C-alpha atoms as a PDB file:
ATOM      1  CA  MET A   1     -11.735  19.395  -9.060  1.00  0.00           C
ATOM      2  CA  LYS A   2     -14.933  17.519  -9.891  1.00  0.00           C
ATOM      3  CA  HIS A   3     -15.109  13.913  -8.741  1.00  0.00           C
ATOM      4  CA  GLN A   4     -17.353  11.395 -10.417  1.00  0.00           C
ATOM      5  CA  ASP A   5     -17.739   7.679  -9.876  1.00  0.00           C
ATOM      6  CA  HIS A   6     -17.043   5.751 -13.060  1.00  0.00           C
ATOM      7  CA  GLU A   7     -19.227   2.825 -14.046  1.00  0.00           C
ATOM      8  CA  GLU A   8     -17.479  -0.485 -13.526  1.00  0.00           C
ATOM      9  CA  PRO A   9     -16.755  -2.414 -16.764  1.00  0.00           C
ATOM     10  CA  ALA A  10     -18.698  -5.408 -15.437  1.00  0.00           C
ATOM     11  CA  VAL A  11     -21.771  -3.227 -14.872  1.00  0.00           C
ATOM     12  CA  ALA A  12     -21.454  -1.750 -18.350  1.00  0.00           C
ATOM     13  CA  ALA A  13     -21.207  -5.248 -19.823  1.00  0.00           C
ATOM     14  CA  GLN A  14     -24.305  -6.394 -17.963  1.00  0.00           C
ATOM     15  CA  ARG A  15     -26.199  -3.328 -19.163  1.00  0.00           C
ATOM     16  CA  ALA A  16     -25.170  -4.024 -22.757  1.00  0.00           C
ATOM     17  CA  VAL A  17     -26.160  -7.677 -22.488  1.00  0.00           C
ATOM     18  CA  ALA A  18     -29.595  -6.689 -21.189  1.00  0.00           C
ATOM     19  CA  ALA A  19     -30.019  -4.269 -24.073  1.00  0.00           C
ATOM     20  CA  LEU A  20     -28.948  -6.963 -26.523  1.00  0.00           C
ATOM     21  CA  ALA A  21     -31.503  -9.374 -25.066  1.00  0.00           C
ATOM     22  CA  ARG A  22     -34.287  -6.842 -25.457  1.00  0.00           C
ATOM     23  CA  THR A  23     -33.296  -6.120 -29.033  1.00  0.00           C
ATOM     24  CA  VAL A  24     -33.096  -9.803 -29.950  1.00  0.00           C
ATOM     25  CA  GLU A  25     -36.531 -10.340 -28.457  1.00  0.00           C
ATOM     26  CA  ALA A  26     -37.968  -7.459 -30.490  1.00  0.00           C
ATOM     27  CA  PHE A  27     -36.249  -8.716 -33.621  1.00  0.00           C
ATOM     28  CA  SER A  28     -37.723 -12.184 -33.077  1.00  0.00           C
ATOM     29  CA  ARG A  29     -41.187 -10.706 -32.840  1.00  0.00           C
ATOM     30  CA  ASP A  30     -40.603  -8.803 -36.079  1.00  0.00           C
ATOM     31  CA  LEU A  31     -39.588 -11.990 -37.880  1.00  0.00           C
ATOM     32  CA  GLN A  32     -42.683 -13.767 -36.668  1.00  0.00           C
ATOM     33  CA  ALA A  33     -44.781 -10.864 -37.879  1.00  0.00           C
ATOM     34  CA  VAL A  34     -43.187 -11.031 -41.320  1.00  0.00           C
ATOM     35  CA  LYS A  35     -43.807 -14.758 -41.518  1.00  0.00           C
ATOM     36  CA  SER A  36     -47.461 -14.323 -40.610  1.00  0.00           C
ATOM     37  CA  GLY A  37     -47.909 -11.583 -43.177  1.00  0.00           C
ATOM     38  CA  LEU A  38     -48.740  -8.966 -40.584  1.00  0.00           C
ATOM     39  CA  ARG A  39     -45.657  -6.926 -41.406  1.00  0.00           C
ATOM     40  CA  GLN A  40     -44.359  -7.236 -44.956  1.00  0.00           C
ATOM     41  CA  SER A  41     -41.604  -4.692 -44.668  1.00  0.00           C
ATOM     42  CA  ALA A  42     -38.161  -6.164 -43.965  1.00  0.00           C
ATOM     43  CA  SER A  43     -36.814  -5.267 -40.532  1.00  0.00           C
ATOM     44  CA  ALA A  44     -33.565  -3.712 -41.781  1.00  0.00           C
ATOM     45  CA  GLN A  45     -33.737  -1.048 -39.101  1.00  0.00           C
ATOM     46  CA  ASP A  46     -33.852  -3.713 -36.405  1.00  0.00           C
ATOM     47  CA  LEU A  47     -30.900  -5.481 -37.960  1.00  0.00           C
ATOM     48  CA  THR A  48     -28.916  -2.236 -37.864  1.00  0.00           C
ATOM     49  CA  ARG A  49     -29.880  -1.637 -34.263  1.00  0.00           C
ATOM     50  CA  LEU A  50     -28.912  -5.202 -33.331  1.00  0.00           C
ATOM     51  CA  ALA A  51     -25.518  -4.814 -34.976  1.00  0.00           C
ATOM     52  CA  LYS A  52     -24.939  -1.580 -33.047  1.00  0.00           C
ATOM     53  CA  VAL A  53     -25.787  -3.184 -29.702  1.00  0.00           C
ATOM     54  CA  VAL A  54     -23.491  -6.124 -30.414  1.00  0.00           C
ATOM     55  CA  THR A  55     -20.686  -3.689 -31.239  1.00  0.00           C
ATOM     56  CA  GLU A  56     -21.274  -1.747 -28.019  1.00  0.00           C
ATOM     57  CA  LEU A  57     -21.255  -4.985 -26.051  1.00  0.00           C
ATOM     58  CA  GLY A  58     -17.930  -5.984 -27.562  1.00  0.00           C
ATOM     59  CA  ASP A  59     -16.484  -2.545 -26.772  1.00  0.00           C
ATOM     60  CA  ALA A  60     -17.646  -2.771 -23.148  1.00  0.00           C
ATOM     61  CA  LEU A  61     -16.060  -6.181 -22.697  1.00  0.00           C
ATOM     62  CA  THR A  62     -12.769  -5.266 -24.332  1.00  0.00           C
ATOM     63  CA  GLN A  63     -12.451  -2.179 -22.156  1.00  0.00           C
ATOM     64  CA  SER A  64     -12.277  -4.331 -19.012  1.00  0.00           C
ATOM     65  CA  PRO A  65      -9.108  -3.358 -17.066  1.00  0.00           C
ATOM     66  CA  ALA A  66      -7.638  -6.821 -17.590  1.00  0.00           C
ATOM     67  CA  LYS A  67      -8.123  -6.553 -21.374  1.00  0.00           C
ATOM     68  CA  ARG A  68      -7.118  -2.960 -22.146  1.00  0.00           C
ATOM     69  CA  THR A  69      -4.650  -2.613 -24.993  1.00  0.00           C
ATOM     70  CA  SER A  70      -2.561   0.272 -26.194  1.00  0.00           C
ATOM     71  CA  SER A  71      -3.114   2.082 -29.482  1.00  0.00           C
ATOM     72  CA  SER A  72      -0.254   0.091 -30.970  1.00  0.00           C
ATOM     73  CA  GLY A  73      -2.163  -3.115 -30.373  1.00  0.00           C
ATOM     74  CA  GLY A  74       0.113  -4.504 -27.654  1.00  0.00           C
ATOM     75  CA  ASP A  75      -0.938  -5.231 -24.112  1.00  0.00           C
ATOM     76  CA  GLU A  76      -0.724  -2.235 -21.830  1.00  0.00           C
ATOM     77  CA  ALA A  77       1.300  -3.146 -18.758  1.00  0.00           C
ATOM     78  CA  ALA A  78      -0.479  -2.595 -15.455  1.00  0.00           C
ATOM     79  CA  PRO A  79       1.160   0.190 -13.414  1.00  0.00           C
ATOM     80  CA  ALA A  80       3.431  -1.172 -10.722  1.00  0.00           C
ATOM     81  CA  VAL A  81       2.828  -0.319  -7.072  1.00  0.00           C
ATOM     82  CA  ARG A  82       5.931   1.398  -5.753  1.00  0.00           C
ATOM     83  CA  SER A  83       7.735  -0.012  -2.735  1.00  0.00           C
ATOM     84  CA  TRP A  84      10.479   1.677  -0.738  1.00  0.00           C
ATOM     85  CA  LEU A  85      11.698  -1.680   0.549  1.00  0.00           C
ATOM     86  CA  VAL A  86      12.536  -3.039  -2.914  1.00  0.00           C
ATOM     87  CA  LEU A  87      13.292   0.262  -4.625  1.00  0.00           C
ATOM     88  CA  ALA A  88      16.204   0.139  -7.073  1.00  0.00           C
ATOM     89  CA  GLU A  89      19.546   0.703  -5.362  1.00  0.00           C
ATOM     90  CA  ASP A  90      20.070   3.861  -7.330  1.00  0.00           C
ATOM     91  CA  GLU A  91      20.433   7.381  -5.954  1.00  0.00           C
ATOM     92  CA  ALA A  92      18.317   8.903  -8.709  1.00  0.00           C
ATOM     93  CA  ALA A  93      15.448   6.502  -7.973  1.00  0.00           C
ATOM     94  CA  VAL A  94      15.584   7.211  -4.238  1.00  0.00           C
ATOM     95  CA  GLN A  95      15.819  10.940  -4.834  1.00  0.00           C
ATOM     96  CA  ALA A  96      12.810  10.823  -7.160  1.00  0.00           C
ATOM     97  CA  VAL A  97      10.659   9.162  -4.496  1.00  0.00           C
ATOM     98  CA  LEU A  98      11.686  11.500  -1.692  1.00  0.00           C
ATOM     99  CA  SER A  99      11.218  14.557  -3.902  1.00  0.00           C
ATOM    100  CA  GLU A 100       7.546  13.545  -4.097  1.00  0.00           C
ATOM    101  CA  LEU A 101       7.091  12.245  -0.582  1.00  0.00           C
ATOM    102  CA  LEU A 102       8.584  15.141   1.385  1.00  0.00           C
ATOM    103  CA  PRO A 103       6.345  17.904  -0.016  1.00  0.00           C
ATOM    104  CA  TRP A 104       3.309  15.606   0.171  1.00  0.00           C
ATOM    105  CA  LEU A 105       3.942  15.054   3.866  1.00  0.00           C
ATOM    106  CA  GLN A 106       4.093  18.807   4.353  1.00  0.00           C
ATOM    107  CA  THR A 107       1.002  19.525   2.275  1.00  0.00           C
ATOM    108  CA  VAL A 108      -1.268  16.604   3.172  1.00  0.00           C
ATOM    109  CA  TYR A 109      -0.226  14.055   5.796  1.00  0.00           C
ATOM    110  CA  LEU A 110       0.980  16.433   8.501  1.00  0.00           C
ATOM    111  CA  ARG A 111      -2.211  18.474   8.247  1.00  0.00           C
ATOM    112  CA  TYR A 112      -3.794  15.766  10.382  1.00  0.00           C
ATOM    113  CA  LYS A 113      -3.232  15.823  14.137  1.00  0.00           C
ATOM    114  CA  ASP A 114      -2.593  12.096  14.445  1.00  0.00           C
ATOM    115  CA  GLY A 115      -0.196  12.329  11.526  1.00  0.00           C
ATOM    116  CA  ARG A 116       1.882  14.987  13.284  1.00  0.00           C
ATOM    117  CA  GLU A 117       1.810  13.154  16.588  1.00  0.00           C
ATOM    118  CA  SER A 118       2.705   9.738  15.159  1.00  0.00           C
ATOM    119  CA  LEU A 119       5.583  10.642  12.842  1.00  0.00           C
ATOM    120  CA  PRO A 120       8.891  10.382  14.744  1.00  0.00           C
ATOM    121  CA  VAL A 121      11.704  12.769  13.932  1.00  0.00           C
ATOM    122  CA  CYS A 122      13.809   9.737  13.029  1.00  0.00           C
ATOM    123  CA  TRP A 123      11.289   8.453  10.470  1.00  0.00           C
ATOM    124  CA  LEU A 124      13.832   8.359   7.629  1.00  0.00           C
ATOM    125  CA  TRP A 125      15.832   5.780   9.590  1.00  0.00           C
ATOM    126  CA  HIS A 126      12.761   3.499   9.551  1.00  0.00           C
ATOM    127  CA  PRO A 127      12.237   1.948   6.109  1.00  0.00           C
ATOM    128  CA  GLU A 128       8.957   0.437   7.306  1.00  0.00           C
ATOM    129  CA  ILE A 129       7.630   3.948   8.025  1.00  0.00           C
ATOM    130  CA  VAL A 130       8.762   5.282   4.646  1.00  0.00           C
ATOM    131  CA  GLU A 131       7.081   2.282   2.991  1.00  0.00           C
ATOM    132  CA  GLU A 132       3.781   3.040   4.725  1.00  0.00           C
ATOM    133  CA  LEU A 133       3.897   6.718   3.824  1.00  0.00           C
ATOM    134  CA  LEU A 134       4.829   6.025   0.205  1.00  0.00           C
ATOM    135  CA  TRP A 135       1.884   3.730  -0.512  1.00  0.00           C
ATOM    136  CA  LEU A 136      -0.429   6.084   1.367  1.00  0.00           C
ATOM    137  CA  MET A 137       0.718   8.960  -0.834  1.00  0.00           C
ATOM    138  CA  ASP A 138       0.178   6.898  -3.983  1.00  0.00           C
ATOM    139  CA  ALA A 139      -3.274   5.869  -2.754  1.00  0.00           C
ATOM    140  CA  TRP A 140      -4.109   9.537  -2.159  1.00  0.00           C
ATOM    141  CA  THR A 141      -2.924  10.440  -5.661  1.00  0.00           C
ATOM    142  CA  ALA A 142      -5.057   7.695  -7.200  1.00  0.00           C
ATOM    143  CA  ALA A 143      -8.108   8.708  -5.166  1.00  0.00           C
ATOM    144  CA  PHE A 144      -7.925  12.419  -5.930  1.00  0.00           C
ATOM    145  CA  HIS A 145      -6.096  12.748  -9.245  1.00  0.00           C
ATOM    146  CA  GLY A 146      -5.990   9.321 -10.927  1.00  0.00           C
ATOM    147  CA  GLU A 147      -7.940   8.234 -13.984  1.00  0.00           C
ATOM    148  CA  GLU A 148     -10.503   6.558 -11.720  1.00  0.00           C
ATOM    149  CA  ALA A 149     -10.539   9.255  -9.017  1.00  0.00           C
ATOM    150  CA  SER A 150     -13.830   9.313  -7.148  1.00  0.00           C
ATOM    151  CA  LEU A 151     -15.539  10.373  -3.957  1.00  0.00           C
ATOM    152  CA  LYS A 152     -15.687   6.704  -2.985  1.00  0.00           C
ATOM    153  CA  LEU A 153     -11.907   6.307  -3.194  1.00  0.00           C
ATOM    154  CA  ALA A 154     -11.339   9.609  -1.407  1.00  0.00           C
ATOM    155  CA  GLY A 155     -13.692   8.556   1.365  1.00  0.00           C
ATOM    156  CA  ASP A 156     -11.898   5.228   1.759  1.00  0.00           C
ATOM    157  CA  TRP A 157      -8.585   7.060   2.001  1.00  0.00           C
ATOM    158  CA  HIS A 158      -9.898   9.313   4.769  1.00  0.00           C
ATOM    159  CA  ASP A 159     -11.906   6.702   6.638  1.00  0.00           C
ATOM    160  CA  ARG A 160      -9.636   3.650   6.489  1.00  0.00           C
ATOM    161  CA  GLN A 161      -6.264   4.035   4.804  1.00  0.00           C
ATOM    162  CA  ARG A 162      -4.862   7.194   6.425  1.00  0.00           C
ATOM    163  CA  PRO A 163      -5.907   6.336  10.011  1.00  0.00           C
ATOM    164  CA  GLY A 164      -4.531   2.818   9.577  1.00  0.00           C
ATOM    165  CA  VAL A 165      -1.131   4.090   8.486  1.00  0.00           C
ATOM    166  CA  ALA A 166      -1.010   6.660  11.304  1.00  0.00           C
ATOM    167  CA  LYS A 167      -1.744   3.918  13.840  1.00  0.00           C
ATOM    168  CA  ARG A 168       0.955   1.604  12.511  1.00  0.00           C
ATOM    169  CA  VAL A 169       3.519   4.412  12.291  1.00  0.00           C
ATOM    170  CA  THR A 170       2.845   5.149  15.958  1.00  0.00           C
ATOM    171  CA  GLY A 171       3.837   1.591  16.809  1.00  0.00           C
ATOM    172  CA  TYR A 172       6.879   1.564  14.542  1.00  0.00           C
ATOM    173  CA  GLY A 173       8.386   4.713  16.056  1.00  0.00           C
ATOM    174  CA  GLU A 174       7.227   4.382  19.646  1.00  0.00           C
ATOM    175  CA  GLY A 175      10.005   5.216  22.108  1.00  0.00           C
ATOM    176  CA  CYS A 176      12.477   5.929  19.322  1.00  0.00           C
ATOM    177  CA  SER A 177      14.585   9.038  18.717  1.00  0.00           C
ATOM    178  CA  VAL A 178      17.458  10.206  16.536  1.00  0.00           C
ATOM    179  CA  LEU A 179      19.948   9.521  19.332  1.00  0.00           C
ATOM    180  CA  ALA A 180      18.744   5.929  19.622  1.00  0.00           C
ATOM    181  CA  HIS A 181      19.994   5.262  16.093  1.00  0.00           C
ATOM    182  CA  ARG A 182      23.546   6.455  16.719  1.00  0.00           C
ATOM    183  CA  GLU A 183      24.784   3.323  18.497  1.00  0.00           C
ATOM    184  CA  HIS A 184      23.530   1.090  15.681  1.00  0.00           C
ATOM    185  CA  ALA A 185      24.970   3.099  12.792  1.00  0.00           C
ATOM    186  CA  GLY A 186      26.889   0.959  10.323  1.00  0.00           C
ATOM    187  CA  ARG A 187      25.443  -2.332  11.541  1.00  0.00           C
ATOM    188  CA  PRO A 188      23.191  -4.611   9.494  1.00  0.00           C
ATOM    189  CA  ALA A 189      19.624  -3.390   9.838  1.00  0.00           C
ATOM    190  CA  VAL A 190      18.125  -6.877   9.713  1.00  0.00           C
ATOM    191  CA  THR A 191      19.591 -10.295  10.371  1.00  0.00           C
ATOM    192  CA  VAL A 192      17.545 -13.429   9.696  1.00  0.00           C
ATOM    193  CA  PRO A 193      17.710 -15.702  12.754  1.00  0.00           C
ATOM    194  CA  LEU A 194      19.771 -18.888  12.236  1.00  0.00           C
ATOM    195  CA  MET A 195      20.561 -17.934   8.641  1.00  0.00           C
ATOM    196  CA  THR A 196      23.926 -19.691   8.818  1.00  0.00           C
ATOM    197  CA  ASP A 197      22.493 -22.707  10.655  1.00  0.00           C
ATOM    198  CA  ALA A 198      19.825 -23.718   8.168  1.00  0.00           C
ATOM    199  CA  ASP A 199      21.360 -26.990   6.933  1.00  0.00           C
ATOM    200  CA  PRO A 200      20.096 -29.200   9.810  1.00  0.00           C
ATOM    201  CA  PHE A 201      16.604 -27.814   9.274  1.00  0.00           C
ATOM    202  CA  VAL A 202      16.774 -28.695   5.597  1.00  0.00           C
ATOM    203  CA  THR A 203      17.561 -32.309   6.484  1.00  0.00           C
ATOM    204  CA  TRP A 204      14.910 -32.454   9.207  1.00  0.00           C
ATOM    205  CA  TRP A 205      12.063 -31.067   7.120  1.00  0.00           C
ATOM    206  CA  ALA A 206      13.013 -33.065   4.040  1.00  0.00           C
ATOM    207  CA  THR A 207      13.477 -36.437   5.744  1.00  0.00           C
ATOM    208  CA  ASP A 208      12.044 -36.545   9.279  1.00  0.00           C
ATOM    209  CA  ARG A 209       9.427 -33.818   9.757  1.00  0.00           C
ATOM    210  CA  ASP A 210       7.180 -36.067  11.887  1.00  0.00           C
ATOM    211  CA  GLN A 211       9.730 -35.663  14.682  1.00  0.00           C
ATOM    212  CA  HIS A 212      10.729 -32.512  16.528  1.00  0.00           C
ATOM    213  CA  GLY A 213      13.415 -30.375  14.953  1.00  0.00           C
ATOM    214  CA  PRO A 214      17.207 -30.441  15.464  1.00  0.00           C
ATOM    215  CA  THR A 215      18.625 -30.122  18.980  1.00  0.00           C
ATOM    216  CA  PRO A 216      19.703 -26.510  19.613  1.00  0.00           C
ATOM    217  CA  THR A 217      23.457 -26.043  19.728  1.00  0.00           C
ATOM    218  CA  PRO A 218      25.130 -24.540  22.836  1.00  0.00           C
ATOM    219  CA  GLU A 219      25.727 -21.348  20.874  1.00  0.00           C
ATOM    220  CA  GLN A 220      22.063 -21.102  19.936  1.00  0.00           C
ATOM    221  CA  VAL A 221      20.988 -21.704  23.536  1.00  0.00           C
ATOM    222  CA  LYS A 222      23.364 -19.005  24.770  1.00  0.00           C
ATOM    223  CA  ALA A 223      22.189 -16.564  22.135  1.00  0.00           C
ATOM    224  CA  GLY A 224      18.574 -17.140  23.107  1.00  0.00           C
ATOM    225  CA  ARG A 225      19.112 -16.369  26.791  1.00  0.00           C
ATOM    226  CA  PRO A 226      18.379 -12.906  28.251  1.00  0.00           C
ATOM    227  CA  GLY A 227      21.423 -10.765  27.657  1.00  0.00           C
ATOM    228  CA  GLY A 228      22.751 -13.067  24.954  1.00  0.00           C
ATOM    229  CA  ALA A 229      23.075 -12.278  21.255  1.00  0.00           C
ATOM    230  CA  SER A 230      19.607 -11.652  19.877  1.00  0.00           C
ATOM    231  CA  LEU A 231      17.957 -14.379  17.822  1.00  0.00           C
ATOM    232  CA  THR A 232      15.213 -12.029  16.657  1.00  0.00           C
ATOM    233  CA  ALA A 233      14.929 -10.813  13.074  1.00  0.00           C
ATOM    234  CA  VAL A 234      15.139  -7.150  14.114  1.00  0.00           C
ATOM    235  CA  PRO A 235      17.764  -5.243  16.107  1.00  0.00           C
ATOM    236  CA  ASN A 236      17.532  -5.286  19.902  1.00  0.00           C
ATOM    237  CA  THR A 237      15.057  -2.749  21.294  1.00  0.00           C
ATOM    238  CA  ALA A 238      17.290  -1.602  24.116  1.00  0.00           C
ATOM    239  CA  GLY A 239      17.380   2.172  24.302  1.00  0.00           C
ATOM    240  CA  GLY A 240      14.214   2.534  22.284  1.00  0.00           C
ATOM    241  CA  GLN A 241      15.780   1.416  19.003  1.00  0.00           C
ATOM    242  CA  ARG A 242      13.827  -0.905  16.720  1.00  0.00           C
END
């Protein structure tokens, strides 16, 4: 596949403006020549050229990504960036994503040594890992096969995006295994700390925020002690489980 950097719309607009300025300057000189009698022929050719440059300038500006319109005349919606974390709760939608992601992992991501070493066997239990891999796959698709595919985008994917994801995935799955997920099966994956105790904080922040916050309740103190119920926003890490 041949890759070619595309000229940015802003650069094209600047180029067209410069051309327009040169044409206007030439046209002004022609008018002065006509007035002085040095050139009696009307500068119709210059007028035509000026009109063409103005048209090209307008086309360059209207083709800016923020201004593109569809052939029907309506605004073309910008493509959404897919997210596993807020994907529709629909089996067909989930299946569609995994039917793309699984073969891409086999064909591309796991070809890299750090990709193979960082991906835990239990990766499908980790929505944060699936999220990272999904956007990385979409970035790869845009860099290599998208409408604006280019060597620059491909280089950025290799140099920055892929290594960054591999590094974060290493941290997400460190010390984890399939067995570590068994004891947490069926439990809420995430619990927001103090979710049911928010009312005193509403009053404090709305009416008395110059003072320290509400006094912790005995239950909250107990939960925050070592061995107590976790107050963190993620499951306890005992046994290697995130």
